Amino acid sequence: MSDLAVPPVLPQSVPSAPAATARMRETAEAFEASFLAQMLKPMFEGLSTEAPFGGGEAEGTWRGFMIEAMAKQTVKAGGIGLADQVVAQMLKMQEQAQ
């Protein structure tokens, strides 16, 4: 046997179930926030940034960040249930793979 032979059983670093589920949840919530941001974006496209109530050029520049923050806050407050569905599908796919 040469020094480069692969051992029959390689140690695998499989994350524990709660840690893996937590990462799935985090990913699903990020996906839901991204989806919501894309849905919110058209609501703000036609709004004027002129005075007296607009924020001028800076508002137009930073509007995308505001929309992202609104989407993340919506998800944090419970969202629309998309993250729950994504996690359920991820778990189902993982079970089928095993």
N, C-alpha and C. Protein backbone atom coordinates (compact mmCIF):
# COMPACT_ATOMS: atom_id res chain seq x y z
N MET A 1 0.83 -1.16 0.00
CA MET A 1 0.00 0.00 0.00
C MET A 1 0.88 1.24 0.00
N SER A 2 0.57 2.19 -0.86
CA SER A 2 1.40 3.39 -0.94
C SER A 2 0.96 4.41 0.09
N ASP A 3 1.79 5.42 0.27
CA ASP A 3 1.48 6.47 1.25
C ASP A 3 0.29 7.32 0.80
N LEU A 4 -0.03 7.30 -0.49
CA LEU A 4 -1.10 8.14 -1.01
C LEU A 4 -2.45 7.43 -1.05
N ALA A 5 -2.51 6.25 -0.51
CA ALA A 5 -3.77 5.51 -0.53
C ALA A 5 -4.81 6.19 0.34
N VAL A 6 -6.03 6.15 -0.11
CA VAL A 6 -7.13 6.76 0.62
C VAL A 6 -7.66 5.75 1.63
N PRO A 7 -7.79 6.16 2.87
CA PRO A 7 -8.32 5.23 3.86
C PRO A 7 -9.76 4.84 3.48
N PRO A 8 -10.19 3.63 3.86
CA PRO A 8 -11.51 3.17 3.46
C PRO A 8 -12.65 4.03 3.98
N VAL A 9 -12.52 4.60 5.14
CA VAL A 9 -13.57 5.45 5.70
C VAL A 9 -12.96 6.80 6.00
N LEU A 10 -13.41 7.81 5.29
CA LEU A 10 -12.92 9.16 5.54
C LEU A 10 -13.77 9.81 6.62
N PRO A 11 -13.14 10.48 7.55
CA PRO A 11 -13.94 11.19 8.55
C PRO A 11 -14.68 12.35 7.87
N GLN A 12 -15.94 12.44 8.13
CA GLN A 12 -16.74 13.51 7.52
C GLN A 12 -17.19 14.47 8.61
N SER A 13 -17.11 15.72 8.28
CA SER A 13 -17.56 16.72 9.25
C SER A 13 -19.00 17.09 8.90
N VAL A 14 -19.91 16.28 9.39
CA VAL A 14 -21.33 16.52 9.16
C VAL A 14 -21.83 17.37 10.31
N PRO A 15 -22.43 18.53 10.01
CA PRO A 15 -22.92 19.37 11.09
C PRO A 15 -24.07 18.69 11.83
N SER A 16 -24.21 19.01 13.09
CA SER A 16 -25.30 18.43 13.87
C SER A 16 -26.63 18.90 13.29
N ALA A 17 -27.67 18.15 13.57
CA ALA A 17 -28.99 18.45 13.02
C ALA A 17 -29.48 19.85 13.38
N PRO A 18 -29.40 20.28 14.64
CA PRO A 18 -29.88 21.63 14.95
C PRO A 18 -29.07 22.72 14.24
N ALA A 19 -27.75 22.53 14.13
CA ALA A 19 -26.92 23.52 13.45
C ALA A 19 -27.25 23.57 11.97
N ALA A 20 -27.46 22.42 11.36
CA ALA A 20 -27.79 22.37 9.94
C ALA A 20 -29.16 23.00 9.69
N THR A 21 -30.11 22.73 10.56
CA THR A 21 -31.44 23.31 10.41
C THR A 21 -31.39 24.82 10.60
N ALA A 22 -30.57 25.28 11.53
CA ALA A 22 -30.43 26.71 11.75
C ALA A 22 -29.84 27.39 10.51
N ARG A 23 -28.85 26.75 9.89
CA ARG A 23 -28.27 27.31 8.66
C ARG A 23 -29.28 27.31 7.53
N MET A 24 -30.11 26.25 7.45
CA MET A 24 -31.16 26.20 6.44
C MET A 24 -32.15 27.34 6.65
N ARG A 25 -32.52 27.55 7.90
CA ARG A 25 -33.47 28.62 8.23
C ARG A 25 -32.89 29.98 7.85
N GLU A 26 -31.63 30.19 8.16
CA GLU A 26 -30.96 31.45 7.84
C GLU A 26 -30.95 31.68 6.32
N THR A 27 -30.63 30.64 5.58
CA THR A 27 -30.61 30.74 4.12
C THR A 27 -32.00 31.00 3.57
N ALA A 28 -33.00 30.32 4.12
CA ALA A 28 -34.38 30.50 3.66
C ALA A 28 -34.87 31.91 3.95
N GLU A 29 -34.50 32.46 5.11
CA GLU A 29 -34.91 33.82 5.44
C GLU A 29 -34.22 34.84 4.55
N ALA A 30 -32.96 34.60 4.21
CA ALA A 30 -32.26 35.49 3.28
C ALA A 30 -32.92 35.46 1.90
N PHE A 31 -33.35 34.27 1.48
CA PHE A 31 -34.06 34.13 0.21
C PHE A 31 -35.38 34.89 0.25
N GLU A 32 -36.13 34.75 1.35
CA GLU A 32 -37.40 35.45 1.47
C GLU A 32 -37.20 36.96 1.47
N ALA A 33 -36.17 37.45 2.14
CA ALA A 33 -35.88 38.88 2.15
C ALA A 33 -35.54 39.38 0.75
N SER A 34 -34.77 38.60 0.02
CA SER A 34 -34.42 38.97 -1.35
C SER A 34 -35.68 39.02 -2.23
N PHE A 35 -36.55 38.03 -2.07
CA PHE A 35 -37.80 37.99 -2.82
C PHE A 35 -38.67 39.20 -2.49
N LEU A 36 -38.81 39.51 -1.20
CA LEU A 36 -39.63 40.64 -0.80
C LEU A 36 -39.05 41.96 -1.31
N ALA A 37 -37.74 42.09 -1.30
CA ALA A 37 -37.12 43.31 -1.82
C ALA A 37 -37.45 43.50 -3.29
N GLN A 38 -37.43 42.41 -4.05
CA GLN A 38 -37.77 42.49 -5.47
C GLN A 38 -39.24 42.85 -5.67
N MET A 39 -40.10 42.40 -4.77
CA MET A 39 -41.52 42.71 -4.85
C MET A 39 -41.81 44.16 -4.43
N LEU A 40 -41.03 44.68 -3.48
CA LEU A 40 -41.23 46.04 -3.00
C LEU A 40 -40.65 47.09 -3.96
N LYS A 41 -39.65 46.71 -4.70
CA LYS A 41 -38.94 47.66 -5.57
C LYS A 41 -39.87 48.44 -6.50
N PRO A 42 -40.82 47.81 -7.20
CA PRO A 42 -41.69 48.57 -8.11
C PRO A 42 -42.57 49.60 -7.39
N MET A 43 -42.84 49.40 -6.12
CA MET A 43 -43.66 50.36 -5.37
C MET A 43 -42.99 51.73 -5.28
N PHE A 44 -41.69 51.76 -5.32
CA PHE A 44 -40.96 53.00 -5.11
C PHE A 44 -40.41 53.63 -6.39
N GLU A 45 -40.54 52.93 -7.52
CA GLU A 45 -39.95 53.43 -8.76
C GLU A 45 -40.55 54.75 -9.23
N GLY A 46 -41.84 54.93 -9.08
CA GLY A 46 -42.46 56.14 -9.59
C GLY A 46 -42.53 57.29 -8.61
N LEU A 47 -42.03 57.09 -7.39
CA LEU A 47 -42.12 58.15 -6.38
C LEU A 47 -41.10 59.24 -6.64
N SER A 48 -41.55 60.46 -6.50
CA SER A 48 -40.67 61.61 -6.70
C SER A 48 -39.80 61.83 -5.47
N THR A 49 -38.61 62.29 -5.67
CA THR A 49 -37.71 62.62 -4.57
C THR A 49 -37.58 64.14 -4.45
N GLU A 50 -38.53 64.87 -5.05
CA GLU A 50 -38.52 66.33 -5.00
C GLU A 50 -39.01 66.83 -3.64
N ALA A 51 -38.70 68.09 -3.33
CA ALA A 51 -39.17 68.74 -2.10
C ALA A 51 -40.67 68.96 -2.21
N PRO A 52 -41.42 69.15 -1.21
CA PRO A 52 -41.03 69.37 0.17
C PRO A 52 -40.90 68.08 0.98
N PHE A 53 -41.41 66.93 0.50
CA PHE A 53 -41.38 65.72 1.30
C PHE A 53 -40.33 64.71 0.87
N GLY A 54 -39.72 64.91 -0.25
CA GLY A 54 -38.72 63.98 -0.75
C GLY A 54 -37.36 64.24 -0.15
N GLY A 55 -36.47 63.29 -0.32
CA GLY A 55 -35.13 63.41 0.23
C GLY A 55 -34.10 63.84 -0.80
N GLY A 56 -34.57 64.22 -1.99
CA GLY A 56 -33.66 64.68 -3.02
C GLY A 56 -32.87 63.54 -3.65
N GLU A 57 -31.72 63.87 -4.16
CA GLU A 57 -30.87 62.90 -4.86
C GLU A 57 -30.40 61.78 -3.94
N ALA A 58 -30.16 62.11 -2.69
CA ALA A 58 -29.69 61.10 -1.74
C ALA A 58 -30.74 60.01 -1.54
N GLU A 59 -32.01 60.40 -1.52
CA GLU A 59 -33.07 59.40 -1.35
C GLU A 59 -33.06 58.42 -2.51
N GLY A 60 -32.91 58.92 -3.71
CA GLY A 60 -32.84 58.04 -4.88
C GLY A 60 -31.64 57.12 -4.81
N THR A 61 -30.53 57.63 -4.31
CA THR A 61 -29.30 56.85 -4.21
C THR A 61 -29.43 55.72 -3.19
N TRP A 62 -30.03 56.01 -2.04
CA TRP A 62 -30.09 55.05 -0.93
C TRP A 62 -31.39 54.27 -0.87
N ARG A 63 -32.28 54.48 -1.82
CA ARG A 63 -33.58 53.82 -1.79
C ARG A 63 -33.45 52.29 -1.79
N GLY A 64 -32.53 51.75 -2.56
CA GLY A 64 -32.34 50.30 -2.61
C GLY A 64 -31.99 49.71 -1.25
N PHE A 65 -31.17 50.43 -0.49
CA PHE A 65 -30.81 49.97 0.86
C PHE A 65 -32.02 50.01 1.79
N MET A 66 -32.86 51.05 1.62
CA MET A 66 -34.05 51.16 2.43
C MET A 66 -35.01 50.00 2.13
N ILE A 67 -35.14 49.67 0.86
CA ILE A 67 -36.02 48.57 0.47
C ILE A 67 -35.50 47.25 1.04
N GLU A 68 -34.20 47.02 0.97
CA GLU A 68 -33.61 45.81 1.56
C GLU A 68 -33.87 45.74 3.06
N ALA A 69 -33.71 46.87 3.75
CA ALA A 69 -33.94 46.91 5.19
C ALA A 69 -35.40 46.63 5.51
N MET A 70 -36.30 47.16 4.71
CA MET A 70 -37.73 46.90 4.92
C MET A 70 -38.03 45.42 4.72
N ALA A 71 -37.44 44.81 3.71
CA ALA A 71 -37.66 43.39 3.45
C ALA A 71 -37.11 42.53 4.58
N LYS A 72 -35.91 42.85 5.07
CA LYS A 72 -35.32 42.08 6.18
C LYS A 72 -36.15 42.23 7.45
N GLN A 73 -36.66 43.43 7.70
CA GLN A 73 -37.49 43.65 8.88
C GLN A 73 -38.81 42.91 8.76
N THR A 74 -39.35 42.84 7.56
CA THR A 74 -40.60 42.09 7.34
C THR A 74 -40.38 40.61 7.65
N VAL A 75 -39.26 40.07 7.19
CA VAL A 75 -38.94 38.66 7.47
C VAL A 75 -38.75 38.45 8.97
N LYS A 76 -38.05 39.38 9.61
CA LYS A 76 -37.81 39.27 11.05
C LYS A 76 -39.12 39.30 11.83
N ALA A 77 -40.11 40.02 11.32
CA ALA A 77 -41.41 40.13 11.99
C ALA A 77 -42.33 38.95 11.68
N GLY A 78 -41.87 38.01 10.88
CA GLY A 78 -42.68 36.84 10.57
C GLY A 78 -42.81 36.57 9.09
N GLY A 79 -42.56 37.57 8.29
CA GLY A 79 -42.55 37.38 6.84
C GLY A 79 -43.90 36.98 6.26
N ILE A 80 -43.84 36.37 5.11
CA ILE A 80 -45.05 35.94 4.40
C ILE A 80 -45.16 34.42 4.36
N GLY A 81 -44.27 33.74 5.06
CA GLY A 81 -44.32 32.28 5.11
C GLY A 81 -43.48 31.58 4.07
N LEU A 82 -42.79 32.34 3.24
CA LEU A 82 -41.97 31.73 2.20
C LEU A 82 -40.79 30.98 2.79
N ALA A 83 -40.17 31.53 3.82
CA ALA A 83 -39.01 30.87 4.44
C ALA A 83 -39.41 29.52 5.02
N ASP A 84 -40.60 29.44 5.60
CA ASP A 84 -41.07 28.16 6.16
C ASP A 84 -41.18 27.10 5.07
N GLN A 85 -41.72 27.49 3.93
CA GLN A 85 -41.88 26.55 2.82
C GLN A 85 -40.52 26.12 2.26
N VAL A 86 -39.59 27.07 2.18
CA VAL A 86 -38.26 26.76 1.66
C VAL A 86 -37.54 25.79 2.59
N VAL A 87 -37.61 26.02 3.90
CA VAL A 87 -36.98 25.12 4.87
C VAL A 87 -37.58 23.73 4.76
N ALA A 88 -38.90 23.66 4.65
CA ALA A 88 -39.56 22.35 4.54
C ALA A 88 -39.07 21.60 3.30
N GLN A 89 -38.93 22.30 2.19
CA GLN A 89 -38.45 21.66 0.97
C GLN A 89 -36.99 21.25 1.08
N MET A 90 -36.18 22.08 1.74
CA MET A 90 -34.77 21.74 1.93
C MET A 90 -34.63 20.49 2.79
N LEU A 91 -35.42 20.40 3.85
CA LEU A 91 -35.38 19.21 4.70
C LEU A 91 -35.84 17.97 3.95
N LYS A 92 -36.87 18.12 3.13
CA LYS A 92 -37.37 16.99 2.35
C LYS A 92 -36.31 16.52 1.35
N MET A 93 -35.63 17.46 0.71
CA MET A 93 -34.58 17.11 -0.24
C MET A 93 -33.42 16.41 0.46
N GLN A 94 -33.09 16.88 1.66
CA GLN A 94 -32.00 16.28 2.41
C GLN A 94 -32.37 14.85 2.82
N GLU A 95 -33.60 14.63 3.25
CA GLU A 95 -34.04 13.29 3.63
C GLU A 95 -34.01 12.34 2.45
N GLN A 96 -34.40 12.82 1.27
CA GLN A 96 -34.40 11.99 0.08
C GLN A 96 -32.99 11.63 -0.35
N ALA A 97 -32.05 12.52 -0.10
CA ALA A 97 -30.67 12.26 -0.49
C ALA A 97 -30.01 11.19 0.38
N GLN A 98 -30.53 11.01 1.57
CA GLN A 98 -29.90 10.05 2.51
C GLN A 98 -30.41 8.67 2.30
